[in-house]
Amino acid sequence: MLDAVYWRRRVLAVKCGFVLTEQQGKQLERILQRLGQPTT
């Protein structure tokens, strides 16, 4: 099963790899908040 750390890395990769609209950036920020901070 994929954990929150994996998904956090994937979301950050998308955020860094693409030019996002303001709305998409806000959506990614909400996703990152739900995933929480990495525990490593």
C-alpha atoms as a PDB file:
ATOM      1  CA  MET A   1       0.000   0.000   0.000  1.00  0.00           C
ATOM      2  CA  LEU A   2       1.205   3.493  -0.789  1.00  0.00           C
ATOM      3  CA  ASP A   3       1.700   5.694   2.236  1.00  0.00           C
ATOM      4  CA  ALA A   4       1.428   9.420   2.843  1.00  0.00           C
ATOM      5  CA  VAL A   5       5.177   9.948   2.388  1.00  0.00           C
ATOM      6  CA  TYR A   6       4.983   8.483  -1.113  1.00  0.00           C
ATOM      7  CA  TRP A   7       2.004  10.659  -2.040  1.00  0.00           C
ATOM      8  CA  ARG A   8       3.631  13.753  -0.569  1.00  0.00           C
ATOM      9  CA  ARG A   9       6.672  13.157  -2.778  1.00  0.00           C
ATOM     10  CA  ARG A  10       4.464  12.616  -5.839  1.00  0.00           C
ATOM     11  CA  VAL A  11       2.473  15.815  -5.208  1.00  0.00           C
ATOM     12  CA  LEU A  12       5.663  17.828  -4.712  1.00  0.00           C
ATOM     13  CA  ALA A  13       7.093  16.384  -7.947  1.00  0.00           C
ATOM     14  CA  VAL A  14       3.978  17.489  -9.826  1.00  0.00           C
ATOM     15  CA  LYS A  15       4.137  20.894  -8.194  1.00  0.00           C
ATOM     16  CA  CYS A  16       7.785  21.360  -9.245  1.00  0.00           C
ATOM     17  CA  GLY A  17       7.494  19.780 -12.674  1.00  0.00           C
ATOM     18  CA  PHE A  18       4.586  21.723 -14.131  1.00  0.00           C
ATOM     19  CA  VAL A  19       3.378  25.287 -14.495  1.00  0.00           C
ATOM     20  CA  LEU A  20       0.213  25.327 -12.423  1.00  0.00           C
ATOM     21  CA  THR A  21      -2.723  27.673 -12.361  1.00  0.00           C
ATOM     22  CA  GLU A  22      -3.469  29.417  -9.081  1.00  0.00           C
ATOM     23  CA  GLN A  23      -6.396  27.060  -8.458  1.00  0.00           C
ATOM     24  CA  GLN A  24      -4.278  23.963  -9.100  1.00  0.00           C
ATOM     25  CA  GLY A  25      -1.623  25.286  -6.718  1.00  0.00           C
ATOM     26  CA  LYS A  26      -4.237  25.761  -4.002  1.00  0.00           C
ATOM     27  CA  GLN A  27      -5.553  22.236  -4.564  1.00  0.00           C
ATOM     28  CA  LEU A  28      -2.052  20.795  -4.214  1.00  0.00           C
ATOM     29  CA  GLU A  29      -1.505  22.773  -1.019  1.00  0.00           C
ATOM     30  CA  ARG A  30      -4.727  21.310   0.429  1.00  0.00           C
ATOM     31  CA  ILE A  31      -3.604  17.796  -0.524  1.00  0.00           C
ATOM     32  CA  LEU A  32      -0.226  18.367   1.149  1.00  0.00           C
ATOM     33  CA  GLN A  33      -1.939  19.640   4.302  1.00  0.00           C
ATOM     34  CA  ARG A  34      -4.137  16.520   4.441  1.00  0.00           C
ATOM     35  CA  LEU A  35      -1.091  14.296   4.010  1.00  0.00           C
ATOM     36  CA  GLY A  36       0.622  16.097   6.874  1.00  0.00           C
ATOM     37  CA  GLN A  37       4.295  16.624   7.436  1.00  0.00           C
ATOM     38  CA  PRO A  38       6.670  13.723   6.766  1.00  0.00           C
ATOM     39  CA  THR A  39       7.793  11.925   9.904  1.00  0.00           C
ATOM     40  CA  THR A  40      11.316  11.233   8.636  1.00  0.00           C
END
